[in-house]
Amino acid sequence: MRRVLVVALLLGALAGCTSAAPGQPGASSASDAVVKTAGCGASPSGDPVAVVSAIDAKGEADFAAMFAGARVGDDGVEVYRKPSADLDKWITSTFAASCVLVHDAKFSAAELAKRYQQVNDDNTYWAEQGVHVNSVSSDFVRGVVVVGTQEVDKGKPLFAARYADGPPVELVDEAPA
């Protein structure tokens, strides 16, 4: 599911969509970047979609415990990761000519995927509680698993109690597909 979210974020960015305003959930800006590549100060080179693809592949393969995700942003390629000197070194050396902004993340993609799977595995349990799960996705930028349901008010305290540790679950009002 995370790959679908990455593709959706990439397509939105390429279509000229604007990101959330600073201070809004999901917002990011160069000012909160922990690391910037040298290409951010010059005329960056390289196809941002190809850069995201390369970072995503290496992040998942070699840095799974730290890597949260990558996307094309308004100011360049944005990478979200738990602090990692090794990952930062690889990004800054490999993509020095591109503009890559590296942001801290609270949870890795692997941690979000585990929570995503827990919610999916608990689908029957939730139906028995009267909370019908209509969709599950993850948001690596905000570090949450998003659950679509029409029983948001009923579900919030139940989900908070069941998934108290690790990545949080956010319930949103969503009708069945």
Protein backbone atom coordinates (compact mmCIF):
# COMPACT_ATOMS: atom_id res chain seq x y z
CA MET A 1 0.00 0.00 0.00
CA ARG A 2 2.91 2.38 0.77
CA ARG A 3 4.06 2.11 -2.83
CA VAL A 4 0.61 3.25 -3.95
CA LEU A 5 0.88 6.25 -1.64
CA VAL A 6 4.35 7.12 -2.97
CA VAL A 7 3.09 6.93 -6.56
CA ALA A 8 0.07 9.09 -5.67
CA LEU A 9 2.33 11.67 -4.01
CA LEU A 10 4.65 11.68 -7.02
CA LEU A 11 1.82 12.11 -9.49
CA GLY A 12 0.33 14.90 -7.39
CA ALA A 13 3.64 16.73 -7.23
CA LEU A 14 4.23 16.34 -10.96
CA ALA A 15 0.73 17.59 -11.72
CA GLY A 16 1.54 20.82 -9.88
CA CYS A 17 -0.35 20.11 -6.67
CA THR A 18 0.75 22.20 -3.73
CA SER A 19 1.73 20.70 -0.44
CA ALA A 20 0.13 21.60 2.86
CA ALA A 21 1.00 24.96 4.34
CA PRO A 22 3.85 24.97 6.87
CA GLY A 23 2.56 23.92 10.27
CA GLN A 24 -0.21 21.79 8.76
CA PRO A 25 -0.17 17.98 9.04
CA GLY A 26 1.92 16.58 6.23
CA ALA A 27 3.62 19.92 5.62
CA SER A 28 7.32 20.07 5.12
CA SER A 29 9.64 22.81 4.07
CA ALA A 30 13.32 23.29 3.54
CA SER A 31 13.54 24.95 6.95
CA ASP A 32 12.83 21.68 8.78
CA ALA A 33 15.25 19.67 6.66
CA VAL A 34 17.95 17.99 8.66
CA VAL A 35 20.27 17.40 5.70
CA LYS A 36 20.43 18.99 2.24
CA THR A 37 22.52 17.85 -0.66
CA ALA A 38 24.86 20.28 -2.42
CA GLY A 39 22.51 20.40 -5.42
CA CYS A 40 19.98 22.39 -3.38
CA GLY A 41 22.24 25.44 -3.51
CA ALA A 42 22.80 25.32 -7.26
CA SER A 43 20.87 24.24 -10.31
CA PRO A 44 19.97 20.66 -9.38
CA SER A 45 20.37 17.99 -11.99
CA GLY A 46 18.75 14.61 -12.40
CA ASP A 47 15.18 13.46 -12.82
CA PRO A 48 13.48 13.76 -9.41
CA VAL A 49 11.27 10.74 -10.08
CA ALA A 50 14.36 8.63 -10.83
CA VAL A 51 16.06 9.96 -7.69
CA VAL A 52 13.01 9.00 -5.58
CA SER A 53 12.95 5.55 -7.17
CA ALA A 54 16.65 4.96 -6.45
CA ILE A 55 16.39 6.22 -2.87
CA ASP A 56 13.25 4.17 -2.26
CA ALA A 57 14.89 0.96 -3.55
CA LYS A 58 18.11 1.41 -1.55
CA GLY A 59 16.22 2.63 1.52
CA GLU A 60 14.00 -0.45 1.60
CA ALA A 61 16.83 -2.86 0.82
CA ASP A 62 19.69 -1.57 2.94
CA PHE A 63 18.20 0.86 5.47
CA ALA A 64 14.81 -0.69 6.27
CA ALA A 65 15.06 -0.01 10.01
CA MET A 66 15.46 3.74 9.38
CA PHE A 67 13.92 4.56 5.99
CA ALA A 68 10.35 5.88 5.98
CA GLY A 69 9.86 7.03 2.39
CA ALA A 70 10.74 9.45 -0.37
CA ARG A 71 8.68 11.76 -2.57
CA VAL A 72 9.02 14.61 -5.03
CA GLY A 73 8.33 17.84 -3.14
CA ASP A 74 8.05 21.47 -4.13
CA ASP A 75 11.70 22.22 -3.29
CA GLY A 76 13.27 18.93 -4.42
CA VAL A 77 13.22 15.30 -3.45
CA GLU A 78 12.15 14.82 0.16
CA VAL A 79 13.35 11.82 2.14
CA TYR A 80 11.93 10.84 5.52
CA ARG A 81 13.97 8.65 7.80
CA LYS A 82 14.76 7.96 11.41
CA PRO A 83 18.12 9.66 12.08
CA SER A 84 20.89 7.70 10.38
CA ALA A 85 24.40 8.95 9.64
CA ASP A 86 24.98 6.06 7.19
CA LEU A 87 21.83 6.75 5.17
CA ASP A 88 22.53 10.49 5.16
CA LYS A 89 26.10 9.88 3.96
CA TRP A 90 24.87 7.65 1.12
CA ILE A 91 22.25 10.20 0.04
CA THR A 92 24.58 13.22 0.15
CA SER A 93 27.34 11.44 -1.76
CA THR A 94 25.17 9.64 -4.33
CA PHE A 95 22.82 12.54 -5.07
CA ALA A 96 25.12 15.53 -4.51
CA ALA A 97 24.09 17.12 -7.83
CA SER A 98 20.36 16.74 -7.07
CA CYS A 99 18.36 18.66 -4.50
CA VAL A 100 17.48 16.19 -1.76
CA LEU A 101 16.04 17.34 1.56
CA VAL A 102 16.24 14.79 4.37
CA HIS A 103 13.70 15.02 7.19
CA ASP A 104 13.42 13.20 10.50
CA ALA A 105 10.65 10.61 10.81
CA LYS A 106 9.36 9.02 13.97
CA PHE A 107 8.63 5.65 12.33
CA SER A 108 10.21 3.68 9.49
CA ALA A 109 8.25 2.29 6.56
CA ALA A 110 8.71 -1.18 8.09
CA GLU A 111 7.12 -0.04 11.36
CA LEU A 112 4.23 1.58 9.50
CA ALA A 113 3.80 -1.56 7.37
CA LYS A 114 3.64 -3.71 10.51
CA ARG A 115 0.89 -1.50 12.00
CA TYR A 116 -0.92 -1.46 8.63
CA GLN A 117 -0.87 -5.27 8.62
CA GLN A 118 -2.09 -5.44 12.23
CA VAL A 119 -5.12 -3.31 11.36
CA ASN A 120 -5.83 -5.43 8.27
CA ASP A 121 -5.47 -8.64 10.29
CA ASP A 122 -7.91 -7.25 12.88
CA ASN A 123 -10.63 -6.53 10.31
CA THR A 124 -12.99 -9.22 11.68
CA TYR A 125 -12.37 -8.00 15.23
CA TRP A 126 -13.29 -4.44 14.24
CA ALA A 127 -16.46 -5.60 12.49
CA GLU A 128 -17.44 -7.44 15.70
CA GLN A 129 -16.91 -4.16 17.61
CA GLY A 130 -19.24 -2.36 15.20
CA VAL A 131 -16.45 -0.45 13.45
CA HIS A 132 -16.34 -1.27 9.75
CA VAL A 133 -12.92 -0.60 8.24
CA ASN A 134 -13.37 0.69 4.69
CA SER A 135 -9.70 1.38 3.90
CA VAL A 136 -6.24 1.30 5.42
CA SER A 137 -3.24 3.29 4.20
CA SER A 138 -0.04 4.68 5.63
CA ASP A 139 1.36 8.20 5.56
CA PHE A 140 5.14 8.16 5.98
CA VAL A 141 5.35 11.96 6.07
CA ARG A 142 3.21 12.21 9.20
CA GLY A 143 4.12 8.74 10.51
CA VAL A 144 0.57 7.42 10.85
CA VAL A 145 -1.63 4.62 9.58
CA VAL A 146 -4.89 6.05 8.27
CA VAL A 147 -8.11 4.03 8.64
CA GLY A 148 -11.24 4.99 6.75
CA THR A 149 -14.52 4.20 8.54
CA GLN A 150 -17.93 5.75 9.04
CA GLU A 151 -17.76 4.99 12.79
CA VAL A 152 -14.96 7.46 13.62
CA ASP A 153 -16.31 8.60 17.01
CA LYS A 154 -16.98 5.04 18.17
CA GLY A 155 -13.66 3.76 16.81
CA LYS A 156 -11.23 6.40 18.12
CA PRO A 157 -11.05 5.21 21.74
CA LEU A 158 -11.10 1.55 20.68
CA PHE A 159 -8.24 1.96 18.19
CA ALA A 160 -6.25 4.09 20.65
CA ALA A 161 -6.53 1.35 23.29
CA ARG A 162 -5.70 -1.54 20.94
CA TYR A 163 -2.76 0.19 19.22
CA ALA A 164 -1.33 2.22 22.11
CA ASP A 165 2.34 1.52 21.32
CA GLY A 166 4.14 2.22 18.06
CA PRO A 167 2.81 4.08 15.05
CA PRO A 168 -0.49 5.82 15.74
CA VAL A 169 -3.71 5.05 13.89
CA GLU A 170 -5.76 7.99 12.62
CA LEU A 171 -9.43 7.42 11.83
CA VAL A 172 -11.05 9.42 9.04
CA ASP A 173 -14.67 9.52 7.94
CA GLU A 174 -14.95 7.45 4.78
CA ALA A 175 -17.87 5.65 3.18
CA PRO A 176 -17.43 2.14 1.77
CA ALA A 177 -16.16 2.00 -1.81
